[in-house]
Structures are given as structure tokens and as C-alpha cells.
Amino acid sequence: MATELHETIFMAKQERHKNLFLNYKNLNIFPVELLKDEGLQFLERLYMKRNSLTTLPDNLAQKLPNLIELYLHSNNIVIIPEAIGNLARLQSLDLSNNALQMLCPEIGRLRSLRHLRLSNNQLKCLPPEIGDLQDLETLDLAMNQLMSLPDRLHRCLSLQNLTVDHNLLSHVPRQLCWLHRLNQLSMAANRLTFLPLDLGRSRELQFVFVDNNVDLKGLPSYLYNKVIGCSGMGEVLTEALVGLPAEVKVIGSQTDNVVPLEELAMRTMHRIYHHRPAGLNLLPPIILPKSLLDLLQFPLGHCHRCSQAMFTIIYPKLFPLRDTALAGVHRRTTVSFVAYCCSSRCLRTFDLQG
């Protein structure tokens, strides 16, 4: 095997191969032949699936500077070196089925990265720097031990496919709703109790899977015309509003005709700072608590009837799935769609069918 490996790498150097396949080679350490002399300066794709690697060399980027794709699926890698951030041209990184317990912040330096696969590891958290990957299109985090997602994930402006199945998530940050290129979101088999009010508001988001979240009782009405997976969800209609975000201070009803003063003030400031005329320079509201500043930037949600931003109050309207046209499609759940409105007037006039 060693002779065969040596010959494979020798030929790749001699013939300046762009692709090198080292899958199923029983490798315990990274081949030193790849790192000798100048390395493989011309190599663009390296396949090392199903070996027994436990780490990567610190000088990987120095010896393989032109790597575009690196496939390390099914090894025993526990940690990746900080030097991984030096692979400036890397577009695809597959570290699925390893033993990763943490991800170094330097992962955020891979500014060309488009596909990152980290499924079936032992990750309990992600570094905030992952939000620096503005070209990232695919992020697979399934089958880890994640209890939360970074708030800065919304900065991955190119993200199209996000998979976080089989983790320990109890909630997802509402900032995810600002990922306007996101097309598919899969969060099956977690511990979700509530979904962001604006989830599905983006027209680009077409596929949402939240199957087997037994404590999740309701879906935002924005998801009504999307492709959704919701089997194995909660079935108690009266508990559809369990687990609301802490920012919700009031749950309004059809008889509440006066919006609280705090909510009106937040809506006014939001209009001033987000819809002010060009050239009008206003100081930021620095006297507000940080929690309210965050709300101004990322509102709790937008009215499902008129799109008014909401901050501390919601007017919910429940539509049992069994009473909708989708009842025949989702026979194994009695989950409800929930419309979140900004006033009693919008609540009364909202129609799920359009």
C-alpha cells in the first residue's frame, strides 16, 4: 500500500495533476509526500475520504495553495488547525463523519468557501466568524450536538441551503429570516418550540422541514404555500403559542383596539431610521438598551397582513391544518398555521388563502 501511495503521488507531481484521489488508503497521518519540497502547487482537488486521519498539517496551505476542493469525509479528525484559514481559494470543504468537537474561528477566513459540510460530528457550538463566509451557499450541520446557531449566521448573504437536522436546537435566531437567498431550510428532529415570525416571508425560501420537533405546535402562516415537512410535530392546538420569544410582552386579541405606547414608539423609531429621506442625518438611538437596539435592527417580525414591523406585541390568529386545503397532504399531524398581525384590525381581516 505504501509503495502504491508513493507512486500515485509521484505521478501526480510529475504530470501536474489537478485532481488527486486518496480515498480508502488506510491513512493514519497526512502523507508526507504531499508536503515535500514545494508540495503540489497545481493541485486543485484532493479526495481523502474514508481513511483514519486525526488531524491536518499546519503547512497544508503552503504546500497545496491552489486547493479549490478538499474532501475529508469519514476520517477521525478531532481538530483542524488554525492554518486552514490560509486556503484562500478553497470553495468546498467536506469534514462530514469525523470527530470534530470544535471549529476554529479561522474558518471565517475562507472567503471563497461556497460549500461547507460538517454533518455527523460532535460540535456543540459554532464560532461567530462563520458569519464572515459571505460566498457560502451550502451549510450542512446535521447530526451534531448544537444547542444554538450563531446570530451572525445571517451575514452569510449567499446561503441557499441550510441543514441542521438531528441537533439540540430549542430555537433559531430570527436573523435567519434576513437570508434572502435561502431556498431550503431543514431543522428536523430538534427540540424546537417556536419558529421566527417571519420565517417564510422571503419568496426565495421554498422548502422548510421541521419534522419530529414534538414541542413545536405552530407554523408561521408565511409557510402555508411552501413545501413543508411537519410530521411528528405537536398536536395540541391550544398550545400553539407556547415558547414565544422573550421580546413578546403582550399577546393581543380582536377586542384590543389600542396598541401599547412602547410598541408605537418602537414602530415610529423604526420608520425614522429605516425610511428616512436620503441625506437626512440622524444620530443613532444610543440611549436605548441594547435589547431594544437589536430589535430596531431586527424586528420581532412583520405583520402577516400588512407587513408592519412588530417589536413587543403580536396579535395571533390560528388556522388548524385540518381545516385547510393541506389537510390531506399532512395526515399525521394536527399542527396549526399561525398568522401574526400588528393590530386587531389586521387580525380580523387576515385570510390564510390570500
Protein backbone atom coordinates (compact mmCIF):
# COMPACT_ATOMS: atom_id res chain seq x y z
CA MET A 1 0.00 0.00 0.00
CA ALA A 2 2.83 2.41 0.86
CA THR A 3 4.51 1.78 -2.49
CA GLU A 4 1.23 2.30 -4.33
CA LEU A 5 0.62 5.54 -2.44
CA HIS A 6 4.13 6.78 -3.18
CA GLU A 7 3.69 6.04 -6.88
CA THR A 8 0.30 7.75 -7.03
CA ILE A 9 1.66 10.95 -5.51
CA PHE A 10 4.85 10.77 -7.60
CA MET A 11 2.80 10.56 -10.81
CA ALA A 12 0.61 13.43 -9.68
CA LYS A 13 3.69 15.61 -9.21
CA GLN A 14 5.34 14.57 -12.44
CA GLU A 15 2.20 15.04 -14.55
CA ARG A 16 0.94 18.06 -12.64
CA HIS A 17 -2.43 16.54 -11.88
CA LYS A 18 -5.19 18.86 -10.74
CA ASN A 19 -7.15 16.05 -9.05
CA LEU A 20 -5.74 13.51 -6.60
CA PHE A 21 -7.74 10.57 -5.25
CA LEU A 22 -6.51 9.08 -1.99
CA ASN A 23 -9.74 7.54 -0.75
CA TYR A 24 -9.73 4.20 1.11
CA LYS A 25 -5.95 4.18 1.65
CA ASN A 26 -5.95 3.35 5.40
CA LEU A 27 -4.04 6.55 6.09
CA ASN A 28 -3.40 7.39 9.76
CA ILE A 29 -1.37 10.50 9.04
CA PHE A 30 -1.33 13.00 6.23
CA PRO A 31 1.08 11.72 3.51
CA VAL A 32 4.43 13.46 3.87
CA GLU A 33 4.98 13.02 0.12
CA LEU A 34 2.33 15.68 -0.45
CA LEU A 35 4.26 18.16 1.66
CA LYS A 36 7.83 17.61 0.45
CA ASP A 37 9.73 20.33 -1.35
CA GLU A 38 7.24 22.67 -2.99
CA GLY A 39 4.31 20.31 -2.50
CA LEU A 40 1.69 20.15 -5.24
CA GLN A 41 1.29 23.78 -6.22
CA PHE A 42 -1.02 22.90 -9.12
CA LEU A 43 -3.40 20.56 -7.23
CA GLU A 44 -6.99 21.82 -7.09
CA ARG A 45 -8.99 18.87 -5.74
CA LEU A 46 -7.90 16.44 -3.05
CA TYR A 47 -10.04 13.44 -2.11
CA MET A 48 -9.15 11.65 1.12
CA LYS A 49 -12.42 10.04 2.16
CA ARG A 50 -12.66 7.04 4.45
CA ASN A 51 -9.21 6.99 5.94
CA SER A 52 -8.16 7.28 9.60
CA LEU A 53 -6.72 10.78 9.70
CA THR A 54 -6.91 12.55 13.07
CA THR A 55 -5.61 15.98 12.09
CA LEU A 56 -4.29 18.08 9.22
CA PRO A 57 -0.79 19.56 8.79
CA ASP A 58 -0.20 23.20 9.66
CA ASN A 59 1.56 23.84 6.35
CA LEU A 60 -1.28 22.48 4.20
CA ALA A 61 -2.00 25.85 2.61
CA GLN A 62 1.69 26.47 1.98
CA LYS A 63 2.18 23.18 0.14
CA LEU A 64 -1.22 23.00 -1.57
CA PRO A 65 -2.00 26.70 -2.09
CA ASN A 66 -4.38 26.26 -5.03
CA LEU A 67 -6.81 23.81 -3.47
CA ILE A 68 -10.38 24.50 -4.51
CA GLU A 69 -12.00 21.36 -3.10
CA LEU A 70 -10.96 19.28 -0.08
CA TYR A 71 -12.88 16.11 0.77
CA LEU A 72 -12.15 14.54 4.16
CA HIS A 73 -15.40 12.67 4.72
CA SER A 74 -15.29 9.73 7.17
CA ASN A 75 -11.98 10.08 8.97
CA ASN A 76 -11.26 10.51 12.69
CA ILE A 77 -10.37 14.19 12.64
CA VAL A 78 -10.78 15.77 16.07
CA ILE A 79 -9.49 19.25 15.33
CA ILE A 80 -8.46 21.25 12.30
CA PRO A 81 -5.51 23.66 12.55
CA GLU A 82 -5.87 27.41 12.50
CA ALA A 83 -3.82 27.41 9.30
CA ILE A 84 -6.89 26.09 7.47
CA GLY A 85 -7.82 29.74 7.08
CA ASN A 86 -4.89 30.23 4.69
CA LEU A 87 -6.52 28.18 1.92
CA ALA A 88 -7.59 31.33 0.14
CA ARG A 89 -9.02 29.61 -2.95
CA LEU A 90 -10.92 26.84 -1.18
CA GLN A 91 -14.54 26.62 -2.33
CA SER A 92 -15.68 23.26 -0.97
CA LEU A 93 -14.74 21.63 2.34
CA ASP A 94 -16.22 18.30 3.45
CA LEU A 95 -15.49 17.27 7.03
CA SER A 96 -18.57 15.09 7.48
CA ASN A 97 -18.41 11.95 9.61
CA ASN A 98 -15.43 12.87 11.73
CA ALA A 99 -14.95 13.53 15.45
CA LEU A 100 -14.82 17.33 15.47
CA GLN A 101 -15.70 18.85 18.83
CA MET A 102 -14.98 22.44 17.89
CA LEU A 103 -14.40 24.60 14.86
CA CYS A 104 -11.60 27.16 14.93
CA PRO A 105 -12.52 30.83 14.32
CA GLU A 106 -10.09 30.90 11.39
CA ILE A 107 -12.72 29.07 9.35
CA GLY A 108 -14.13 32.54 8.77
CA ARG A 109 -11.08 33.46 6.70
CA LEU A 110 -12.08 31.07 3.91
CA ARG A 111 -13.72 33.91 1.99
CA SER A 112 -14.05 31.86 -1.24
CA LEU A 113 -15.83 28.96 0.50
CA ARG A 114 -19.16 28.01 -1.08
CA HIS A 115 -19.90 24.58 0.40
CA LEU A 116 -19.19 23.52 4.00
CA ARG A 117 -20.26 20.08 5.20
CA LEU A 118 -19.85 19.27 8.89
CA SER A 119 -22.56 16.66 9.44
CA ASN A 120 -22.16 13.77 11.87
CA ASN A 121 -19.54 15.27 14.17
CA GLN A 122 -19.65 16.26 17.86
CA LEU A 123 -19.94 20.02 17.51
CA LYS A 124 -21.67 21.79 20.40
CA CYS A 125 -21.28 25.33 19.09
CA LEU A 126 -20.06 27.28 16.08
CA PRO A 127 -17.68 30.25 16.06
CA PRO A 128 -19.33 33.60 15.27
CA GLU A 129 -16.76 34.02 12.49
CA ILE A 130 -18.71 31.59 10.36
CA GLY A 131 -20.82 34.63 9.55
CA ASP A 132 -17.86 36.04 7.61
CA LEU A 133 -18.36 33.46 4.84
CA GLN A 134 -20.33 35.72 2.53
CA ASP A 135 -19.99 33.42 -0.50
CA LEU A 136 -21.21 30.34 1.39
CA GLU A 137 -24.11 28.63 -0.41
CA THR A 138 -24.42 25.25 1.39
CA LEU A 139 -24.00 24.61 5.11
CA ASP A 140 -24.69 21.10 6.44
CA LEU A 141 -24.60 20.77 10.24
CA ALA A 142 -26.83 17.73 10.65
CA MET A 143 -26.21 15.17 13.40
CA ASN A 144 -24.19 17.25 15.82
CA GLN A 145 -24.91 18.50 19.35
CA LEU A 146 -25.66 22.14 18.58
CA MET A 147 -27.90 23.93 21.07
CA SER A 148 -27.94 27.22 19.16
CA LEU A 149 -26.85 28.86 15.92
CA PRO A 150 -24.67 31.99 15.75
CA ASP A 151 -26.62 35.24 15.44
CA ARG A 152 -24.08 36.33 12.84
CA LEU A 153 -25.11 33.50 10.53
CA HIS A 154 -27.40 35.98 8.78
CA ARG A 155 -24.29 37.62 7.31
CA CYS A 156 -23.82 34.60 5.03
CA LEU A 157 -25.70 36.50 2.36
CA SER A 158 -25.27 33.85 -0.34
CA LEU A 159 -26.57 30.95 1.76
CA GLN A 160 -29.10 28.85 -0.16
CA ASN A 161 -29.25 25.54 1.70
CA LEU A 162 -29.02 25.18 5.49
CA THR A 163 -29.35 21.77 7.15
CA VAL A 164 -29.33 21.38 10.95
CA ASP A 165 -31.29 18.14 11.38
CA HIS A 166 -30.75 15.99 14.47
CA ASN A 167 -29.28 18.58 16.83
CA LEU A 168 -30.45 20.03 20.15
CA LEU A 169 -31.85 23.36 18.94
CA SER A 170 -34.68 24.82 21.01
CA HIS A 171 -34.93 27.91 18.84
CA VAL A 172 -33.41 29.52 15.77
CA PRO A 173 -32.38 33.19 15.62
CA ARG A 174 -34.91 35.43 13.91
CA GLN A 175 -31.99 36.92 11.96
CA LEU A 176 -32.14 33.84 9.72
CA CYS A 177 -35.18 35.42 8.10
CA TRP A 178 -32.82 38.03 6.62
CA LEU A 179 -31.13 35.37 4.48
CA HIS A 180 -32.93 36.39 1.32
CA ARG A 181 -31.28 33.78 -0.91
CA LEU A 182 -32.09 30.86 1.40
CA ASN A 183 -34.08 28.30 -0.59
CA GLN A 184 -34.10 25.24 1.69
CA LEU A 185 -34.06 25.09 5.48
CA SER A 186 -34.10 21.73 7.24
CA MET A 187 -34.37 21.57 11.04
CA ALA A 188 -35.93 18.15 11.59
CA ALA A 189 -35.50 16.21 14.84
CA ASN A 190 -34.51 19.04 17.16
CA ARG A 191 -36.17 20.49 20.26
CA LEU A 192 -37.81 23.48 18.64
CA THR A 193 -40.72 25.08 20.48
CA PHE A 194 -41.20 28.10 18.25
CA LEU A 195 -40.25 29.40 14.80
CA PRO A 196 -39.40 33.02 13.91
CA LEU A 197 -42.49 35.02 13.00
CA ASP A 198 -41.03 36.00 9.61
CA LEU A 199 -39.94 32.51 8.56
CA GLY A 200 -41.16 32.03 5.01
CA ARG A 201 -41.65 35.74 4.33
CA SER A 202 -38.86 35.59 1.77
CA ARG A 203 -40.15 34.39 -1.59
CA GLU A 204 -36.89 32.58 -2.20
CA LEU A 205 -37.43 30.20 0.74
CA GLN A 206 -39.48 27.34 -0.71
CA PHE A 207 -38.61 24.23 1.32
CA VAL A 208 -38.85 24.04 5.12
CA PHE A 209 -38.58 20.79 7.09
CA VAL A 210 -39.32 20.73 10.82
CA ASP A 211 -40.43 17.11 11.21
CA ASN A 212 -40.12 15.42 14.60
CA ASN A 213 -39.98 18.53 16.75
CA VAL A 214 -42.53 17.25 19.24
CA ASP A 215 -42.82 20.54 21.16
CA LEU A 216 -43.45 22.63 18.06
CA LYS A 217 -47.16 23.39 17.81
CA GLY A 218 -47.50 26.06 15.16
CA LEU A 219 -46.07 27.23 11.83
CA PRO A 220 -45.95 30.88 10.71
CA SER A 221 -48.65 31.44 8.10
CA TYR A 222 -45.97 32.60 5.64
CA LEU A 223 -45.18 28.89 5.22
CA TYR A 224 -48.67 27.99 4.02
CA ASN A 225 -47.79 27.98 0.32
CA LYS A 226 -44.32 26.47 0.79
CA VAL A 227 -43.16 22.86 0.65
CA ILE A 228 -43.09 21.89 4.32
CA GLY A 229 -42.29 18.77 6.31
CA CYS A 230 -44.08 18.76 9.65
CA SER A 231 -44.81 15.16 10.61
CA GLY A 232 -44.17 14.24 14.22
CA MET A 233 -44.89 17.75 15.49
CA GLY A 234 -47.06 18.79 18.43
CA GLU A 235 -50.79 18.18 18.16
CA VAL A 236 -52.38 20.40 20.83
CA LEU A 237 -53.97 23.41 19.18
CA THR A 238 -54.35 25.45 22.38
CA GLU A 239 -50.61 25.27 22.97
CA ALA A 240 -49.60 26.64 19.58
CA LEU A 241 -48.25 29.80 21.20
CA VAL A 242 -46.02 28.05 23.72
CA GLY A 243 -42.38 29.15 23.69
CA LEU A 244 -42.85 32.68 22.33
CA PRO A 245 -39.69 34.83 22.21
CA ALA A 246 -38.89 36.78 25.36
CA GLU A 247 -39.38 40.05 23.45
CA VAL A 248 -43.14 39.40 23.24
CA LYS A 249 -44.62 41.36 26.13
CA VAL A 250 -48.24 41.41 25.02
CA ILE A 251 -50.45 38.97 23.11
CA GLY A 252 -53.28 41.00 21.61
CA SER A 253 -56.79 39.97 20.64
CA GLN A 254 -59.58 41.19 18.38
CA THR A 255 -61.00 43.32 21.19
CA ASP A 256 -57.74 45.20 21.81
CA ASN A 257 -58.09 48.40 19.79
CA VAL A 258 -55.21 50.35 21.39
CA VAL A 259 -51.57 49.45 20.67
CA PRO A 260 -49.29 49.91 23.73
CA LEU A 261 -47.18 53.09 23.83
CA GLU A 262 -43.84 51.23 23.86
CA GLU A 263 -44.78 49.40 20.67
CA LEU A 264 -45.89 52.61 18.96
CA ALA A 265 -42.60 54.28 19.93
CA MET A 266 -40.56 51.41 18.50
CA ARG A 267 -42.53 51.46 15.26
CA THR A 268 -42.01 55.20 14.93
CA MET A 269 -38.25 54.96 15.52
CA HIS A 270 -38.04 52.10 13.06
CA ARG A 271 -39.71 54.17 10.34
CA ILE A 272 -37.44 57.13 11.07
CA TYR A 273 -34.21 55.17 10.93
CA HIS A 274 -35.08 52.82 8.08
CA HIS A 275 -37.18 55.04 5.84
CA ARG A 276 -35.65 58.46 6.34
CA PRO A 277 -35.15 60.63 3.23
CA ALA A 278 -31.76 60.48 1.57
CA GLY A 279 -29.35 62.97 3.07
CA LEU A 280 -31.20 63.28 6.37
CA ASN A 281 -28.59 62.55 9.01
CA LEU A 282 -29.86 61.45 12.41
CA LEU A 283 -27.95 60.27 15.42
CA PRO A 284 -28.45 56.64 16.34
CA PRO A 285 -30.71 55.97 19.38
CA ILE A 286 -27.77 55.29 21.68
CA ILE A 287 -29.82 55.88 24.83
CA LEU A 288 -31.87 52.72 24.24
CA PRO A 289 -30.96 49.43 25.93
CA LYS A 290 -29.04 47.01 23.72
CA SER A 291 -32.02 44.67 23.55
CA LEU A 292 -34.15 47.42 22.01
CA LEU A 293 -31.37 48.47 19.65
CA ASP A 294 -31.19 44.88 18.42
CA LEU A 295 -34.95 44.90 17.94
CA LEU A 296 -34.76 48.07 15.85
CA GLN A 297 -32.28 46.37 13.54
CA PHE A 298 -34.05 43.01 13.52
CA PRO A 299 -37.73 43.38 14.45
CA LEU A 300 -39.59 40.55 16.12
CA GLY A 301 -41.40 40.07 12.83
CA HIS A 302 -43.63 41.73 10.25
CA CYS A 303 -47.41 41.67 10.20
CA HIS A 304 -48.62 38.79 8.06
CA ARG A 305 -51.42 41.05 6.82
CA CYS A 306 -49.82 44.46 6.12
CA SER A 307 -46.04 43.93 6.70
CA GLN A 308 -45.85 46.45 9.57
CA ALA A 309 -42.77 45.76 11.70
CA MET A 310 -43.57 44.42 15.19
CA PHE A 311 -41.42 44.61 18.30
CA THR A 312 -43.14 43.79 21.59
CA ILE A 313 -46.70 42.78 20.74
CA ILE A 314 -48.35 40.26 18.44
CA TYR A 315 -51.94 39.51 17.51
CA PRO A 316 -52.03 35.80 16.64
CA LYS A 317 -54.69 34.03 14.59
CA LEU A 318 -54.67 30.25 14.45
CA PHE A 319 -55.66 28.09 11.48
CA PRO A 320 -55.77 24.34 12.28
CA LEU A 321 -54.12 22.44 9.47
CA ARG A 322 -57.06 20.02 9.43
CA ASP A 323 -59.28 22.91 8.31
CA THR A 324 -57.04 23.89 5.38
CA ALA A 325 -56.54 22.51 1.90
CA LEU A 326 -53.30 20.89 3.09
CA ALA A 327 -55.09 18.54 5.49
CA GLY A 328 -54.91 15.67 3.01
CA VAL A 329 -51.18 16.16 2.47
CA HIS A 330 -50.17 16.14 6.15
CA ARG A 331 -52.35 13.43 7.62
CA ARG A 332 -50.12 12.59 10.56
CA THR A 333 -50.18 15.93 12.31
CA THR A 334 -52.78 18.41 13.50
CA VAL A 335 -50.38 21.34 13.73
CA SER A 336 -51.72 24.86 13.17
CA PHE A 337 -50.64 27.73 10.98
CA VAL A 338 -50.38 30.97 12.95
CA ALA A 339 -50.79 34.42 11.43
CA TYR A 340 -49.02 37.11 13.46
CA CYS A 341 -50.62 40.51 12.98
CA CYS A 342 -49.78 44.02 14.16
CA SER A 343 -53.26 45.13 15.23
CA SER A 344 -56.76 43.89 15.93
CA ARG A 345 -57.84 45.28 12.55
CA CYS A 346 -55.29 43.18 10.65
CA LEU A 347 -56.19 40.24 12.83
CA ARG A 348 -59.84 40.45 11.84
CA THR A 349 -59.16 40.85 8.13
CA PHE A 350 -56.37 38.30 7.66
CA ASP A 351 -57.21 35.43 5.30
CA LEU A 352 -54.88 32.44 5.05
CA GLN A 353 -55.90 31.83 1.46
CA GLY A 354 -54.66 35.20 0.30
